[in-house]
Amino acid sequence: MRYEIREKIYNNPNALKYLRENSSWYKKLNRGAKVEEMLAEMKERYGLRFRDKVDKLSTGIDLINAFMNVTKE
């Protein structure tokens, strides 16, 4: 694996964890797959995308709103 790819992965604990859980990516990265593809898949799997963060925030706000409505009644 190229040094630049290893450096990107080892500087990101989530990427390193994902690579260890999905060992097929070792072969793909050694054969020329882009590390960005692996990182995108990792973000989707762990819920680290912007869309996922907005969904979590929205769920939290809805939960707080539900508690506020219960205490008003």
N, C-alpha and C. Protein backbone atom coordinates (compact mmCIF):
# COMPACT_ATOMS: atom_id res chain seq x y z
N MET A 1 0.85 -1.17 0.00
CA MET A 1 0.00 0.00 0.00
C MET A 1 0.90 1.24 0.00
N ARG A 2 0.52 2.22 -0.77
CA ARG A 2 1.33 3.44 -0.86
C ARG A 2 1.36 4.18 0.47
N TYR A 3 2.44 4.91 0.67
CA TYR A 3 2.65 5.62 1.93
C TYR A 3 1.56 6.67 2.17
N GLU A 4 1.14 7.39 1.13
CA GLU A 4 0.14 8.43 1.28
C GLU A 4 -1.19 7.86 1.76
N ILE A 5 -1.54 6.69 1.22
CA ILE A 5 -2.79 6.04 1.61
C ILE A 5 -2.70 5.58 3.06
N ARG A 6 -1.59 4.96 3.42
CA ARG A 6 -1.41 4.50 4.80
C ARG A 6 -1.47 5.67 5.77
N GLU A 7 -0.87 6.79 5.38
CA GLU A 7 -0.87 7.96 6.25
C GLU A 7 -2.29 8.48 6.46
N LYS A 8 -3.10 8.55 5.40
CA LYS A 8 -4.49 9.00 5.52
C LYS A 8 -5.28 8.09 6.45
N ILE A 9 -5.07 6.79 6.31
CA ILE A 9 -5.83 5.83 7.10
C ILE A 9 -5.40 5.87 8.56
N TYR A 10 -4.11 5.88 8.81
CA TYR A 10 -3.62 5.82 10.19
C TYR A 10 -3.85 7.13 10.94
N ASN A 11 -4.09 8.23 10.24
CA ASN A 11 -4.39 9.50 10.91
C ASN A 11 -5.88 9.63 11.25
N ASN A 12 -6.69 8.70 10.77
CA ASN A 12 -8.13 8.73 11.01
C ASN A 12 -8.52 7.44 11.75
N PRO A 13 -8.82 7.53 13.05
CA PRO A 13 -9.13 6.31 13.81
C PRO A 13 -10.34 5.55 13.27
N ASN A 14 -11.35 6.26 12.77
CA ASN A 14 -12.52 5.57 12.20
C ASN A 14 -12.15 4.81 10.93
N ALA A 15 -11.29 5.38 10.11
CA ALA A 15 -10.88 4.72 8.88
C ALA A 15 -10.06 3.46 9.21
N LEU A 16 -9.20 3.56 10.18
CA LEU A 16 -8.39 2.41 10.58
C LEU A 16 -9.29 1.29 11.12
N LYS A 17 -10.25 1.65 11.94
CA LYS A 17 -11.19 0.67 12.48
C LYS A 17 -11.98 0.00 11.36
N TYR A 18 -12.45 0.83 10.40
CA TYR A 18 -13.23 0.29 9.29
C TYR A 18 -12.38 -0.65 8.43
N LEU A 19 -11.14 -0.27 8.19
CA LEU A 19 -10.26 -1.11 7.38
C LEU A 19 -10.01 -2.44 8.07
N ARG A 20 -9.86 -2.43 9.37
CA ARG A 20 -9.63 -3.68 10.10
C ARG A 20 -10.88 -4.55 10.13
N GLU A 21 -12.06 -3.93 10.13
CA GLU A 21 -13.31 -4.70 10.11
C GLU A 21 -13.62 -5.24 8.72
N ASN A 22 -13.16 -4.56 7.68
CA ASN A 22 -13.44 -4.94 6.29
C ASN A 22 -12.12 -5.15 5.57
N SER A 23 -11.53 -6.29 5.80
CA SER A 23 -10.18 -6.55 5.31
C SER A 23 -10.11 -6.64 3.78
N SER A 24 -11.23 -6.77 3.11
CA SER A 24 -11.19 -6.82 1.64
C SER A 24 -10.66 -5.51 1.06
N TRP A 25 -10.74 -4.42 1.84
CA TRP A 25 -10.25 -3.13 1.37
C TRP A 25 -8.72 -3.11 1.28
N TYR A 26 -8.02 -3.95 2.03
CA TYR A 26 -6.56 -4.02 1.90
C TYR A 26 -6.20 -4.39 0.47
N LYS A 27 -6.86 -5.41 -0.06
CA LYS A 27 -6.58 -5.86 -1.42
C LYS A 27 -6.96 -4.79 -2.43
N LYS A 28 -8.13 -4.17 -2.24
CA LYS A 28 -8.59 -3.15 -3.17
C LYS A 28 -7.63 -1.96 -3.20
N LEU A 29 -7.17 -1.52 -2.02
CA LEU A 29 -6.27 -0.38 -1.97
C LEU A 29 -4.90 -0.71 -2.56
N ASN A 30 -4.45 -1.93 -2.38
CA ASN A 30 -3.18 -2.34 -2.96
C ASN A 30 -3.26 -2.44 -4.48
N ARG A 31 -4.45 -2.69 -5.00
CA ARG A 31 -4.63 -2.82 -6.44
C ARG A 31 -5.01 -1.51 -7.11
N GLY A 32 -5.06 -0.43 -6.36
CA GLY A 32 -5.25 0.87 -6.98
C GLY A 32 -6.58 1.54 -6.73
N ALA A 33 -7.42 0.96 -5.89
CA ALA A 33 -8.69 1.63 -5.58
C ALA A 33 -8.39 2.92 -4.82
N LYS A 34 -9.27 3.87 -4.95
CA LYS A 34 -9.05 5.16 -4.30
C LYS A 34 -9.48 5.09 -2.84
N VAL A 35 -8.66 5.69 -2.00
CA VAL A 35 -8.94 5.70 -0.57
C VAL A 35 -10.21 6.50 -0.27
N GLU A 36 -10.55 7.45 -1.13
CA GLU A 36 -11.76 8.24 -0.94
C GLU A 36 -13.01 7.37 -1.02
N GLU A 37 -12.98 6.32 -1.86
CA GLU A 37 -14.11 5.41 -1.95
C GLU A 37 -14.31 4.68 -0.63
N MET A 38 -13.20 4.23 -0.03
CA MET A 38 -13.29 3.55 1.24
C MET A 38 -13.78 4.49 2.34
N LEU A 39 -13.30 5.73 2.32
CA LEU A 39 -13.71 6.71 3.33
C LEU A 39 -15.19 7.04 3.19
N ALA A 40 -15.69 7.14 1.96
CA ALA A 40 -17.11 7.41 1.74
C ALA A 40 -17.96 6.26 2.26
N GLU A 41 -17.52 5.04 2.00
CA GLU A 41 -18.24 3.86 2.49
C GLU A 41 -18.21 3.81 4.02
N MET A 42 -17.06 4.17 4.59
CA MET A 42 -16.91 4.19 6.05
C MET A 42 -17.84 5.22 6.67
N LYS A 43 -17.92 6.41 6.08
CA LYS A 43 -18.80 7.46 6.61
C LYS A 43 -20.26 7.04 6.54
N GLU A 44 -20.63 6.37 5.46
CA GLU A 44 -22.01 5.90 5.32
C GLU A 44 -22.32 4.84 6.37
N ARG A 45 -21.38 3.93 6.58
CA ARG A 45 -21.59 2.83 7.54
C ARG A 45 -21.68 3.33 8.98
N TYR A 46 -20.83 4.28 9.35
CA TYR A 46 -20.79 4.77 10.72
C TYR A 46 -21.70 5.98 10.95
N GLY A 47 -22.37 6.45 9.92
CA GLY A 47 -23.30 7.58 10.09
C GLY A 47 -22.58 8.89 10.32
N LEU A 48 -21.50 9.14 9.61
CA LEU A 48 -20.70 10.35 9.79
C LEU A 48 -20.93 11.39 8.70
N ARG A 49 -21.86 11.11 7.79
CA ARG A 49 -22.14 12.07 6.74
C ARG A 49 -22.94 13.24 7.30
N PHE A 50 -22.94 14.35 6.59
CA PHE A 50 -23.68 15.54 7.02
C PHE A 50 -25.16 15.23 7.16
N ARG A 51 -25.69 14.49 6.21
CA ARG A 51 -27.11 14.12 6.23
C ARG A 51 -27.44 13.32 7.49
N ASP A 52 -26.55 12.41 7.88
CA ASP A 52 -26.77 11.61 9.08
C ASP A 52 -26.76 12.48 10.34
N LYS A 53 -25.86 13.44 10.38
CA LYS A 53 -25.78 14.33 11.54
C LYS A 53 -27.03 15.19 11.65
N VAL A 54 -27.55 15.65 10.51
CA VAL A 54 -28.78 16.45 10.52
C VAL A 54 -29.95 15.59 10.99
N ASP A 55 -30.00 14.34 10.56
CA ASP A 55 -31.07 13.44 10.99
C ASP A 55 -31.02 13.21 12.50
N LYS A 56 -29.82 13.03 13.05
CA LYS A 56 -29.68 12.84 14.49
C LYS A 56 -30.14 14.08 15.25
N LEU A 57 -29.76 15.24 14.74
CA LEU A 57 -30.18 16.49 15.37
C LEU A 57 -31.69 16.65 15.32
N SER A 58 -32.28 16.34 14.19
CA SER A 58 -33.73 16.44 14.02
C SER A 58 -34.44 15.49 14.97
N THR A 59 -33.93 14.29 15.10
CA THR A 59 -34.52 13.31 16.02
C THR A 59 -34.45 13.81 17.46
N GLY A 60 -33.33 14.40 17.83
CA GLY A 60 -33.18 14.95 19.18
C GLY A 60 -34.14 16.08 19.44
N ILE A 61 -34.31 16.94 18.47
CA ILE A 61 -35.24 18.07 18.61
C ILE A 61 -36.67 17.55 18.73
N ASP A 62 -37.02 16.55 17.93
CA ASP A 62 -38.36 15.96 18.00
C ASP A 62 -38.61 15.33 19.38
N LEU A 63 -37.59 14.69 19.94
CA LEU A 63 -37.72 14.08 21.25
C LEU A 63 -37.93 15.13 22.33
N ILE A 64 -37.17 16.20 22.26
CA ILE A 64 -37.33 17.30 23.23
C ILE A 64 -38.72 17.92 23.09
N ASN A 65 -39.14 18.11 21.85
CA ASN A 65 -40.47 18.67 21.60
C ASN A 65 -41.56 17.78 22.17
N ALA A 66 -41.41 16.48 22.03
CA ALA A 66 -42.41 15.54 22.57
C ALA A 66 -42.46 15.65 24.09
N PHE A 67 -41.31 15.75 24.76
CA PHE A 67 -41.29 15.89 26.20
C PHE A 67 -41.93 17.21 26.64
N MET A 68 -41.68 18.25 25.88
CA MET A 68 -42.27 19.56 26.21
C MET A 68 -43.79 19.51 26.09
N ASN A 69 -44.29 18.82 25.09
CA ASN A 69 -45.74 18.70 24.90
C ASN A 69 -46.38 17.87 26.01
N VAL A 70 -45.69 16.88 26.49
CA VAL A 70 -46.23 16.03 27.56
C VAL A 70 -46.31 16.81 28.86
N THR A 71 -45.29 17.63 29.13
CA THR A 71 -45.27 18.37 30.40
C THR A 71 -46.28 19.52 30.38
N LYS A 72 -46.66 20.03 29.22
CA LYS A 72 -47.64 21.12 29.13
C LYS A 72 -49.03 20.63 29.47
N GLU A 73 -49.31 19.37 29.16
CA GLU A 73 -50.68 18.87 29.34
C GLU A 73 -50.95 18.39 30.71
